[in-house]
Amino acid sequence: MGRVYTLKELVEQRAEWKAFGLSVVFTNGVFDIVHRGHVEYLNASKKLGDILVVGMNSDASVKRIKGPLRPIVPEADRAYIVSQLACIDAVCLFEEDTPITIISAVVPDVLVKGADWNINAIVGKDVVEAAGGTVQTIEFIPDRSTTNIIDIIKERFT
């Protein structure tokens, strides 16, 4: 199972992985309330290479993107939980609204997002492809999202 890295540590680790000829897959997200959809998506991502790195939005980033009531789970807890999934090799938090800084520093071999993203709009696509890597999308399981879970909780307790 993985661990949580600073960007500096992740860049150093990436050099080691590269020296061993290991391919690095990168994806990113909030992972606020981890659910089956997340786990299936992350497992499918891992199958695309040797190492799976997850860029995770910091609490401040989540608030800017999702609104003032999110995240539900603090960043340190989210990072720890995701890093302990068997398919995860590394997690790195980022403060920006997008993971472009991590992608540019790590330059993964494969960049992955959910199929709800237009492949041409995926942040970092240009960086990865310029280095000879690929960008792929993975289908989501319908009706499996953090927003759905929050809505169910609100419905049941209001």
Protein backbone atom coordinates (compact mmCIF):
# COMPACT_ATOMS: atom_id res chain seq x y z
CA MET A 1 0.00 0.00 0.00
CA GLY A 2 1.06 3.54 -0.68
CA ARG A 3 1.97 6.50 1.34
CA VAL A 4 1.40 10.23 1.30
CA TYR A 5 4.23 12.19 -0.35
CA THR A 6 5.14 15.85 -0.57
CA LEU A 7 5.68 16.97 -4.14
CA LYS A 8 9.46 16.99 -3.61
CA GLU A 9 9.40 13.44 -2.23
CA LEU A 10 7.16 12.28 -5.08
CA VAL A 11 9.50 13.71 -7.73
CA GLU A 12 12.45 11.89 -6.10
CA GLN A 13 10.43 8.65 -5.94
CA ARG A 14 9.37 9.06 -9.58
CA ALA A 15 13.04 9.13 -10.59
CA GLU A 16 13.55 5.79 -8.80
CA TRP A 17 10.51 4.24 -10.46
CA LYS A 18 11.74 5.46 -13.84
CA ALA A 19 15.21 4.00 -13.21
CA PHE A 20 13.56 0.62 -12.62
CA GLY A 21 11.52 0.94 -15.82
CA LEU A 22 8.19 1.14 -14.01
CA SER A 23 5.31 2.92 -15.72
CA VAL A 24 3.49 5.55 -13.67
CA VAL A 25 -0.24 6.14 -13.91
CA PHE A 26 -1.65 9.39 -12.51
CA THR A 27 -5.17 10.38 -11.62
CA ASN A 28 -6.62 12.99 -9.32
CA GLY A 29 -9.69 13.91 -7.36
CA VAL A 30 -11.23 15.00 -4.10
CA PHE A 31 -12.09 11.55 -2.66
CA ASP A 32 -14.18 13.18 0.05
CA ILE A 33 -16.30 10.18 1.06
CA VAL A 34 -14.63 7.14 -0.49
CA HIS A 35 -17.17 4.80 -2.05
CA ARG A 36 -17.41 1.85 -4.45
CA GLY A 37 -17.25 4.07 -7.52
CA HIS A 38 -13.92 5.49 -6.34
CA VAL A 39 -12.48 2.06 -5.58
CA GLU A 40 -13.52 0.54 -8.92
CA TYR A 41 -12.15 3.59 -10.78
CA LEU A 42 -8.84 3.43 -8.89
CA ASN A 43 -8.52 -0.33 -9.45
CA ALA A 44 -9.13 0.14 -13.18
CA SER A 45 -6.55 2.95 -13.24
CA LYS A 46 -3.93 0.75 -11.57
CA LYS A 47 -4.31 -1.84 -14.36
CA LEU A 48 -2.96 0.73 -16.84
CA GLY A 49 0.58 0.65 -15.42
CA ASP A 50 2.89 -0.42 -12.62
CA ILE A 51 2.54 2.48 -10.19
CA LEU A 52 -0.62 4.44 -9.37
CA VAL A 53 -0.20 8.00 -8.11
CA VAL A 54 -3.22 9.97 -6.90
CA GLY A 55 -3.18 13.75 -6.80
CA MET A 56 -5.65 14.88 -4.15
CA ASN A 57 -7.21 18.31 -3.78
CA SER A 58 -6.37 20.02 -0.49
CA ASP A 59 -9.20 21.24 1.75
CA ALA A 60 -8.81 24.82 0.44
CA SER A 61 -8.93 23.58 -3.15
CA VAL A 62 -12.06 21.51 -2.45
CA LYS A 63 -13.83 24.50 -0.90
CA ARG A 64 -13.12 26.60 -4.00
CA ILE A 65 -14.36 23.85 -6.35
CA LYS A 66 -17.21 22.23 -4.40
CA GLY A 67 -18.34 25.09 -2.12
CA PRO A 68 -17.97 26.10 1.52
CA LEU A 69 -19.59 22.98 2.98
CA ARG A 70 -17.00 20.63 1.48
CA PRO A 71 -14.95 18.67 2.11
CA ILE A 72 -16.70 16.54 4.70
CA VAL A 73 -13.52 14.61 5.53
CA PRO A 74 -10.31 16.62 6.20
CA GLU A 75 -7.41 16.32 3.74
CA ALA A 76 -5.07 14.40 6.06
CA ASP A 77 -7.75 11.76 6.65
CA ARG A 78 -8.70 11.58 2.95
CA ALA A 79 -5.05 11.19 1.94
CA TYR A 80 -4.44 8.49 4.54
CA ILE A 81 -7.56 6.51 3.60
CA VAL A 82 -6.84 6.56 -0.14
CA SER A 83 -3.15 5.77 0.39
CA GLN A 84 -4.14 2.59 2.22
CA LEU A 85 -6.11 1.12 -0.68
CA ALA A 86 -4.23 -1.86 -2.11
CA CYS A 87 -4.06 -0.37 -5.61
CA ILE A 88 -2.48 2.93 -4.53
CA ASP A 89 1.26 3.50 -4.51
CA ALA A 90 1.36 7.22 -3.72
CA VAL A 91 -0.88 10.15 -2.81
CA CYS A 92 0.15 13.79 -3.10
CA LEU A 93 -1.99 16.73 -1.99
CA PHE A 94 -2.19 19.86 -4.14
CA GLU A 95 -3.40 23.35 -3.23
CA GLU A 96 -4.29 24.56 -6.73
CA ASP A 97 -7.63 24.00 -8.40
CA THR A 98 -6.00 21.60 -10.88
CA PRO A 99 -3.15 19.08 -10.59
CA ILE A 100 -1.05 20.67 -13.34
CA THR A 101 1.89 21.31 -10.99
CA ILE A 102 2.10 17.65 -9.97
CA ILE A 103 1.59 16.40 -13.53
CA SER A 104 4.30 18.73 -14.84
CA ALA A 105 6.72 17.65 -12.10
CA VAL A 106 6.05 13.90 -12.24
CA VAL A 107 5.24 13.55 -15.96
CA PRO A 108 3.33 10.28 -15.70
CA ASP A 109 3.33 7.70 -18.47
CA VAL A 110 -0.46 7.46 -18.33
CA LEU A 111 -2.91 10.18 -17.28
CA VAL A 112 -6.39 8.95 -16.34
CA LYS A 113 -9.72 10.63 -15.66
CA GLY A 114 -13.31 9.48 -15.55
CA ALA A 115 -15.20 9.18 -18.81
CA ASP A 116 -17.33 12.15 -17.77
CA TRP A 117 -14.34 14.29 -18.83
CA ASN A 118 -13.83 15.28 -22.45
CA ILE A 119 -10.41 13.82 -23.20
CA ASN A 120 -9.28 17.08 -24.84
CA ALA A 121 -10.17 19.03 -21.69
CA ILE A 122 -8.14 16.88 -19.29
CA VAL A 123 -5.61 19.02 -17.44
CA GLY A 124 -2.05 17.91 -18.18
CA LYS A 125 -2.90 16.12 -21.44
CA ASP A 126 -0.41 18.26 -23.35
CA VAL A 127 2.39 17.60 -20.83
CA VAL A 128 1.90 13.83 -20.84
CA GLU A 129 1.52 13.47 -24.60
CA ALA A 130 4.54 15.72 -25.27
CA ALA A 131 6.61 13.29 -23.20
CA GLY A 132 5.29 10.29 -25.16
CA GLY A 133 2.65 9.24 -22.63
CA THR A 134 -1.04 8.52 -23.11
CA VAL A 135 -4.28 9.96 -21.76
CA GLN A 136 -7.20 7.63 -21.08
CA THR A 137 -10.66 7.74 -19.58
CA ILE A 138 -12.44 5.13 -17.48
CA GLU A 139 -16.18 4.53 -17.27
CA PHE A 140 -17.87 5.27 -13.96
CA ILE A 141 -20.41 3.09 -12.20
CA PRO A 142 -23.74 4.95 -12.44
CA ASP A 143 -25.22 6.46 -9.28
CA ARG A 144 -22.04 6.04 -7.25
CA SER A 145 -20.82 9.45 -6.15
CA THR A 146 -20.08 11.42 -3.02
CA THR A 147 -22.85 13.85 -3.98
CA ASN A 148 -25.35 10.95 -4.12
CA ILE A 149 -24.26 9.79 -0.66
CA ILE A 150 -24.59 13.30 0.79
CA ASP A 151 -28.03 13.67 -0.80
CA ILE A 152 -29.19 10.37 0.72
CA ILE A 153 -27.97 11.42 4.17
CA LYS A 154 -29.68 14.80 3.88
CA GLU A 155 -32.92 13.17 2.71
CA ARG A 156 -32.96 10.66 5.56
CA PHE A 157 -32.09 13.10 8.32
CA THR A 158 -34.15 16.16 7.41
